[in-house]
Amino acid sequence: MERIYHPYWLWEDYKNGFYENVSGEEKQIKIQKVFEMFNNEKLTIDNMNYVVDNWRYSMEHNLSNPSINKIAYIGQSACCNYAKIPNSITMECWSKLSKEVQERANKNAIDSISRWNENNKIIQLCLNLD
């Protein structure tokens, strides 16, 4: 896949607080939300699939980048979509999740990335039909 670039002001993750800094009580609430989402497999899958299906600019920009950890990015994006949780808070909480939850979330992220790849191939095929 060829690298796709979009300006940051189009990124859905940017618009939803992915790169924000929070502290105090707001941070504690967001930490609780990270655990809430990842400990509920349905919430995790729903939010991962939502971002790969609906965050066009963020996904194209980041999933076409061979240098990023795509699995981590999908998990962080899902948390951002779920409760406007900045990526730094998701990263901070990750090691505190059980190994079972981490493994399940990683598998779900791989499935969502595969879903995005398949959808992207179909779009590219349709664009090349002319």
N, C-alpha and C. Protein backbone atom coordinates (compact mmCIF):
# COMPACT_ATOMS: atom_id res chain seq x y z
N MET A 1 0.83 -1.18 0.00
CA MET A 1 0.00 0.00 0.00
C MET A 1 0.88 1.25 0.00
N GLU A 2 0.48 2.19 -0.80
CA GLU A 2 1.20 3.46 -0.86
C GLU A 2 0.81 4.32 0.34
N ARG A 3 1.78 5.04 0.87
CA ARG A 3 1.56 5.92 2.03
C ARG A 3 0.59 7.03 1.66
N ILE A 4 -0.40 7.26 2.51
CA ILE A 4 -1.40 8.30 2.30
C ILE A 4 -1.22 9.35 3.40
N TYR A 5 -1.21 10.60 2.99
CA TYR A 5 -1.07 11.70 3.93
C TYR A 5 -2.33 12.57 3.93
N HIS A 6 -2.71 13.02 5.11
CA HIS A 6 -3.79 14.00 5.27
C HIS A 6 -3.34 15.01 6.31
N PRO A 7 -3.73 16.27 6.17
CA PRO A 7 -3.37 17.26 7.20
C PRO A 7 -4.09 16.96 8.51
N TYR A 8 -3.44 17.28 9.61
CA TYR A 8 -3.95 16.89 10.93
C TYR A 8 -5.36 17.44 11.21
N TRP A 9 -5.72 18.59 10.64
CA TRP A 9 -7.03 19.15 10.95
C TRP A 9 -8.17 18.34 10.36
N LEU A 10 -7.85 17.39 9.48
CA LEU A 10 -8.87 16.48 8.96
C LEU A 10 -8.99 15.20 9.80
N TRP A 11 -7.97 14.89 10.57
CA TRP A 11 -7.95 13.64 11.32
C TRP A 11 -9.08 13.61 12.35
N GLU A 12 -9.83 12.54 12.31
CA GLU A 12 -10.92 12.35 13.28
C GLU A 12 -10.37 12.14 14.69
N ASP A 13 -9.20 11.49 14.79
CA ASP A 13 -8.62 11.29 16.13
C ASP A 13 -8.28 12.65 16.76
N TYR A 14 -7.71 13.54 15.97
CA TYR A 14 -7.37 14.89 16.44
C TYR A 14 -8.63 15.62 16.91
N LYS A 15 -9.69 15.53 16.12
CA LYS A 15 -10.96 16.21 16.46
C LYS A 15 -11.60 15.65 17.72
N ASN A 16 -11.27 14.42 18.08
CA ASN A 16 -11.89 13.77 19.25
C ASN A 16 -11.00 13.73 20.48
N GLY A 17 -9.88 14.45 20.47
CA GLY A 17 -9.07 14.57 21.67
C GLY A 17 -7.93 13.59 21.83
N PHE A 18 -7.56 12.88 20.77
CA PHE A 18 -6.51 11.87 20.82
C PHE A 18 -5.18 12.43 21.34
N TYR A 19 -4.88 13.67 21.02
CA TYR A 19 -3.59 14.27 21.36
C TYR A 19 -3.69 15.27 22.51
N GLU A 20 -4.83 15.34 23.18
CA GLU A 20 -5.03 16.29 24.27
C GLU A 20 -4.28 15.88 25.53
N ASN A 21 -4.11 16.83 26.42
CA ASN A 21 -3.56 16.57 27.75
C ASN A 21 -4.66 16.84 28.77
N VAL A 22 -4.86 15.90 29.67
CA VAL A 22 -5.83 16.09 30.75
C VAL A 22 -5.16 15.75 32.06
N SER A 23 -5.70 16.30 33.13
CA SER A 23 -5.13 16.02 34.45
C SER A 23 -6.24 16.04 35.50
N GLY A 24 -5.84 15.76 36.71
CA GLY A 24 -6.77 15.83 37.83
C GLY A 24 -7.92 14.86 37.74
N GLU A 25 -9.10 15.33 38.14
CA GLU A 25 -10.28 14.48 38.18
C GLU A 25 -10.68 13.99 36.79
N GLU A 26 -10.52 14.87 35.78
CA GLU A 26 -10.85 14.46 34.41
C GLU A 26 -9.98 13.28 33.98
N LYS A 27 -8.71 13.29 34.33
CA LYS A 27 -7.82 12.19 33.98
C LYS A 27 -8.26 10.90 34.67
N GLN A 28 -8.63 10.99 35.93
CA GLN A 28 -9.07 9.80 36.67
C GLN A 28 -10.32 9.18 36.04
N ILE A 29 -11.22 10.02 35.60
CA ILE A 29 -12.44 9.52 34.93
C ILE A 29 -12.07 8.82 33.64
N LYS A 30 -11.15 9.39 32.87
CA LYS A 30 -10.75 8.79 31.60
C LYS A 30 -10.00 7.47 31.82
N ILE A 31 -9.21 7.39 32.88
CA ILE A 31 -8.53 6.13 33.22
C ILE A 31 -9.57 5.05 33.48
N GLN A 32 -10.61 5.37 34.24
CA GLN A 32 -11.69 4.41 34.51
C GLN A 32 -12.36 3.96 33.21
N LYS A 33 -12.52 4.89 32.28
CA LYS A 33 -13.17 4.58 31.01
C LYS A 33 -12.31 3.64 30.16
N VAL A 34 -10.98 3.76 30.24
CA VAL A 34 -10.10 2.83 29.51
C VAL A 34 -10.37 1.40 29.98
N PHE A 35 -10.39 1.21 31.31
CA PHE A 35 -10.63 -0.12 31.86
C PHE A 35 -12.03 -0.61 31.52
N GLU A 36 -13.00 0.29 31.57
CA GLU A 36 -14.38 -0.05 31.25
C GLU A 36 -14.48 -0.58 29.82
N MET A 37 -13.85 0.13 28.87
CA MET A 37 -13.96 -0.31 27.48
C MET A 37 -13.22 -1.62 27.24
N PHE A 38 -11.95 -1.69 27.63
CA PHE A 38 -11.17 -2.89 27.32
C PHE A 38 -11.68 -4.13 28.06
N ASN A 39 -12.27 -3.96 29.23
CA ASN A 39 -12.78 -5.12 29.96
C ASN A 39 -14.14 -5.59 29.45
N ASN A 40 -14.69 -4.89 28.49
CA ASN A 40 -15.95 -5.28 27.86
C ASN A 40 -15.64 -5.55 26.39
N GLU A 41 -15.59 -6.81 26.01
CA GLU A 41 -15.19 -7.15 24.64
C GLU A 41 -16.09 -6.53 23.59
N LYS A 42 -17.39 -6.50 23.84
CA LYS A 42 -18.31 -5.90 22.86
C LYS A 42 -18.01 -4.42 22.66
N LEU A 43 -17.79 -3.68 23.75
CA LEU A 43 -17.44 -2.26 23.62
C LEU A 43 -16.14 -2.09 22.84
N THR A 44 -15.18 -2.95 23.11
CA THR A 44 -13.89 -2.87 22.43
C THR A 44 -14.06 -3.09 20.93
N ILE A 45 -14.74 -4.17 20.57
CA ILE A 45 -14.95 -4.49 19.15
C ILE A 45 -15.76 -3.39 18.47
N ASP A 46 -16.83 -2.96 19.10
CA ASP A 46 -17.69 -1.93 18.50
C ASP A 46 -16.91 -0.64 18.22
N ASN A 47 -16.08 -0.22 19.17
CA ASN A 47 -15.33 1.02 18.99
C ASN A 47 -14.18 0.86 18.01
N MET A 48 -13.55 -0.29 17.99
CA MET A 48 -12.50 -0.54 17.00
C MET A 48 -13.09 -0.55 15.60
N ASN A 49 -14.20 -1.24 15.44
CA ASN A 49 -14.83 -1.28 14.12
C ASN A 49 -15.37 0.09 13.71
N TYR A 50 -15.87 0.84 14.68
CA TYR A 50 -16.37 2.18 14.36
C TYR A 50 -15.26 3.04 13.76
N VAL A 51 -14.09 3.05 14.41
CA VAL A 51 -13.03 3.93 13.90
C VAL A 51 -12.53 3.47 12.54
N VAL A 52 -12.39 2.16 12.31
CA VAL A 52 -11.90 1.73 10.99
C VAL A 52 -12.95 1.97 9.91
N ASP A 53 -14.22 1.97 10.28
CA ASP A 53 -15.28 2.20 9.30
C ASP A 53 -15.58 3.68 9.06
N ASN A 54 -15.33 4.52 10.05
CA ASN A 54 -15.79 5.91 9.98
C ASN A 54 -14.73 6.98 10.07
N TRP A 55 -13.55 6.66 10.53
CA TRP A 55 -12.50 7.66 10.66
C TRP A 55 -11.60 7.57 9.42
N ARG A 56 -12.11 7.98 8.30
CA ARG A 56 -11.42 7.83 7.02
C ARG A 56 -10.01 8.44 7.03
N TYR A 57 -9.93 9.71 7.39
CA TYR A 57 -8.65 10.42 7.28
C TYR A 57 -7.62 9.89 8.26
N SER A 58 -8.03 9.66 9.48
CA SER A 58 -7.10 9.13 10.49
C SER A 58 -6.61 7.75 10.10
N MET A 59 -7.52 6.90 9.63
CA MET A 59 -7.13 5.54 9.27
C MET A 59 -6.21 5.53 8.05
N GLU A 60 -6.56 6.28 7.03
CA GLU A 60 -5.69 6.31 5.86
C GLU A 60 -4.31 6.83 6.22
N HIS A 61 -4.27 7.91 6.98
CA HIS A 61 -2.99 8.51 7.34
C HIS A 61 -2.14 7.57 8.19
N ASN A 62 -2.75 6.91 9.16
CA ASN A 62 -1.98 6.10 10.10
C ASN A 62 -1.82 4.64 9.68
N LEU A 63 -2.84 4.03 9.13
CA LEU A 63 -2.71 2.62 8.76
C LEU A 63 -1.91 2.41 7.49
N SER A 64 -1.69 3.48 6.72
CA SER A 64 -0.80 3.36 5.56
C SER A 64 0.65 3.66 5.93
N ASN A 65 0.88 4.00 7.18
CA ASN A 65 2.23 4.32 7.66
C ASN A 65 2.91 3.04 8.14
N PRO A 66 3.96 2.59 7.46
CA PRO A 66 4.61 1.34 7.86
C PRO A 66 5.38 1.45 9.18
N SER A 67 5.54 2.65 9.69
CA SER A 67 6.38 2.85 10.88
C SER A 67 5.62 2.86 12.20
N ILE A 68 4.29 2.80 12.17
CA ILE A 68 3.58 2.85 13.45
C ILE A 68 3.09 1.47 13.87
N ASN A 69 2.84 1.34 15.16
CA ASN A 69 2.25 0.13 15.71
C ASN A 69 0.74 0.22 15.48
N LYS A 70 0.27 -0.41 14.44
CA LYS A 70 -1.13 -0.31 14.04
C LYS A 70 -2.08 -0.90 15.08
N ILE A 71 -1.66 -1.96 15.73
CA ILE A 71 -2.50 -2.59 16.75
C ILE A 71 -2.72 -1.62 17.91
N ALA A 72 -1.65 -1.01 18.38
CA ALA A 72 -1.77 -0.02 19.46
C ALA A 72 -2.61 1.17 19.01
N TYR A 73 -2.39 1.62 17.79
CA TYR A 73 -3.13 2.78 17.29
C TYR A 73 -4.64 2.51 17.27
N ILE A 74 -5.04 1.32 16.85
CA ILE A 74 -6.47 0.98 16.82
C ILE A 74 -7.05 0.97 18.24
N GLY A 75 -6.33 0.40 19.18
CA GLY A 75 -6.81 0.39 20.57
C GLY A 75 -6.93 1.79 21.13
N GLN A 76 -5.93 2.62 20.88
CA GLN A 76 -5.95 4.00 21.35
C GLN A 76 -7.09 4.78 20.68
N SER A 77 -7.28 4.56 19.39
CA SER A 77 -8.37 5.24 18.67
C SER A 77 -9.73 4.79 19.19
N ALA A 78 -9.86 3.51 19.49
CA ALA A 78 -11.13 3.01 20.03
C ALA A 78 -11.45 3.69 21.36
N CYS A 79 -10.45 3.83 22.22
CA CYS A 79 -10.66 4.52 23.50
C CYS A 79 -11.02 5.98 23.27
N CYS A 80 -10.36 6.60 22.32
CA CYS A 80 -10.65 8.00 21.98
C CYS A 80 -12.09 8.13 21.51
N ASN A 81 -12.52 7.22 20.67
CA ASN A 81 -13.90 7.26 20.19
C ASN A 81 -14.88 6.99 21.33
N TYR A 82 -14.54 6.06 22.20
CA TYR A 82 -15.43 5.65 23.29
C TYR A 82 -15.70 6.79 24.27
N ALA A 83 -14.64 7.51 24.67
CA ALA A 83 -14.83 8.52 25.73
C ALA A 83 -13.86 9.69 25.60
N LYS A 84 -13.44 9.98 24.36
CA LYS A 84 -12.50 11.09 24.12
C LYS A 84 -11.25 10.98 25.01
N ILE A 85 -10.73 9.76 25.08
CA ILE A 85 -9.56 9.47 25.90
C ILE A 85 -8.30 9.73 25.08
N PRO A 86 -7.41 10.58 25.57
CA PRO A 86 -6.15 10.81 24.85
C PRO A 86 -5.31 9.53 24.78
N ASN A 87 -4.52 9.42 23.72
CA ASN A 87 -3.69 8.22 23.54
C ASN A 87 -2.72 8.02 24.70
N SER A 88 -2.23 9.10 25.29
CA SER A 88 -1.26 8.97 26.39
C SER A 88 -1.88 8.26 27.60
N ILE A 89 -3.15 8.47 27.84
CA ILE A 89 -3.82 7.81 28.97
C ILE A 89 -4.03 6.33 28.66
N THR A 90 -4.41 6.03 27.42
CA THR A 90 -4.56 4.62 27.04
C THR A 90 -3.23 3.89 27.20
N MET A 91 -2.15 4.52 26.74
CA MET A 91 -0.82 3.89 26.87
C MET A 91 -0.46 3.69 28.35
N GLU A 92 -0.77 4.66 29.18
CA GLU A 92 -0.46 4.57 30.61
C GLU A 92 -1.21 3.41 31.27
N CYS A 93 -2.43 3.16 30.83
CA CYS A 93 -3.27 2.12 31.44
C CYS A 93 -2.99 0.72 30.90
N TRP A 94 -2.43 0.62 29.71
CA TRP A 94 -2.30 -0.66 29.02
C TRP A 94 -1.64 -1.73 29.89
N SER A 95 -0.53 -1.42 30.52
CA SER A 95 0.21 -2.45 31.28
C SER A 95 -0.55 -2.88 32.53
N LYS A 96 -1.58 -2.14 32.91
CA LYS A 96 -2.35 -2.49 34.10
C LYS A 96 -3.54 -3.40 33.78
N LEU A 97 -3.78 -3.61 32.50
CA LEU A 97 -4.82 -4.56 32.09
C LEU A 97 -4.29 -5.98 32.25
N SER A 98 -5.17 -6.93 32.47
CA SER A 98 -4.72 -8.32 32.58
C SER A 98 -4.17 -8.78 31.23
N LYS A 99 -3.30 -9.78 31.26
CA LYS A 99 -2.74 -10.34 30.03
C LYS A 99 -3.85 -10.87 29.12
N GLU A 100 -4.86 -11.45 29.74
CA GLU A 100 -5.99 -11.99 28.96
C GLU A 100 -6.70 -10.87 28.20
N VAL A 101 -6.96 -9.76 28.86
CA VAL A 101 -7.62 -8.63 28.23
C VAL A 101 -6.73 -8.03 27.14
N GLN A 102 -5.43 -7.92 27.41
CA GLN A 102 -4.50 -7.40 26.40
C GLN A 102 -4.50 -8.28 25.15
N GLU A 103 -4.42 -9.59 25.35
CA GLU A 103 -4.38 -10.51 24.21
C GLU A 103 -5.68 -10.44 23.41
N ARG A 104 -6.80 -10.37 24.10
CA ARG A 104 -8.09 -10.28 23.42
C ARG A 104 -8.20 -8.97 22.64
N ALA A 105 -7.79 -7.87 23.25
CA ALA A 105 -7.84 -6.56 22.58
C ALA A 105 -6.92 -6.55 21.36
N ASN A 106 -5.73 -7.14 21.49
CA ASN A 106 -4.81 -7.20 20.35
C ASN A 106 -5.41 -8.01 19.20
N LYS A 107 -6.05 -9.12 19.51
CA LYS A 107 -6.70 -9.93 18.48
C LYS A 107 -7.82 -9.15 17.82
N ASN A 108 -8.61 -8.45 18.63
CA ASN A 108 -9.70 -7.65 18.08
C ASN A 108 -9.17 -6.52 17.20
N ALA A 109 -8.05 -5.93 17.58
CA ALA A 109 -7.44 -4.87 16.77
C ALA A 109 -6.97 -5.43 15.43
N ILE A 110 -6.36 -6.61 15.46
CA ILE A 110 -5.91 -7.25 14.22
C ILE A 110 -7.10 -7.51 13.31
N ASP A 111 -8.20 -7.98 13.89
CA ASP A 111 -9.42 -8.21 13.10
C ASP A 111 -9.93 -6.91 12.48
N SER A 112 -9.90 -5.83 13.24
CA SER A 112 -10.36 -4.53 12.73
C SER A 112 -9.44 -4.00 11.64
N ILE A 113 -8.15 -4.19 11.81
CA ILE A 113 -7.20 -3.77 10.77
C ILE A 113 -7.43 -4.57 9.49
N SER A 114 -7.68 -5.88 9.64
CA SER A 114 -7.99 -6.71 8.47
C SER A 114 -9.25 -6.22 7.79
N ARG A 115 -10.24 -5.84 8.58
CA ARG A 115 -11.49 -5.30 8.05
C ARG A 115 -11.20 -4.03 7.24
N TRP A 116 -10.38 -3.14 7.79
CA TRP A 116 -10.02 -1.90 7.08
C TRP A 116 -9.27 -2.21 5.78
N ASN A 117 -8.32 -3.14 5.87
CA ASN A 117 -7.55 -3.52 4.67
C ASN A 117 -8.46 -4.06 3.59
N GLU A 118 -9.40 -4.90 3.96
CA GLU A 118 -10.31 -5.48 2.99
C GLU A 118 -11.20 -4.41 2.37
N ASN A 119 -11.75 -3.53 3.19
CA ASN A 119 -12.58 -2.44 2.68
C ASN A 119 -11.77 -1.53 1.77
N ASN A 120 -10.54 -1.26 2.12
CA ASN A 120 -9.68 -0.40 1.32
C ASN A 120 -9.38 -1.04 -0.04
N LYS A 121 -9.17 -2.35 -0.05
CA LYS A 121 -8.93 -3.05 -1.32
C LYS A 121 -10.15 -2.96 -2.23
N ILE A 122 -11.33 -3.10 -1.64
CA ILE A 122 -12.57 -3.02 -2.44
C ILE A 122 -12.72 -1.62 -3.02
N ILE A 123 -12.46 -0.60 -2.22
CA ILE A 123 -12.54 0.78 -2.71
C ILE A 123 -11.56 1.01 -3.84
N GLN A 124 -10.32 0.54 -3.66
CA GLN A 124 -9.31 0.71 -4.70
C GLN A 124 -9.71 -0.01 -5.98
N LEU A 125 -10.26 -1.20 -5.84
CA LEU A 125 -10.72 -1.95 -7.00
C LEU A 125 -11.80 -1.17 -7.74
N CYS A 126 -12.76 -0.63 -7.00
CA CYS A 126 -13.85 0.14 -7.64
C CYS A 126 -13.31 1.39 -8.33
N LEU A 127 -12.33 2.03 -7.75
CA LEU A 127 -11.74 3.24 -8.34
C LEU A 127 -10.98 2.93 -9.63
N ASN A 128 -10.48 1.71 -9.73
CA ASN A 128 -9.68 1.33 -10.89
C ASN A 128 -10.51 0.69 -12.00
N LEU A 129 -11.83 0.67 -11.86
CA LEU A 129 -12.67 0.03 -12.87
C LEU A 129 -12.88 0.87 -14.11
N ASP A 130 -12.53 2.13 -14.06
CA ASP A 130 -12.76 3.00 -15.24
C ASP A 130 -11.82 2.64 -16.31
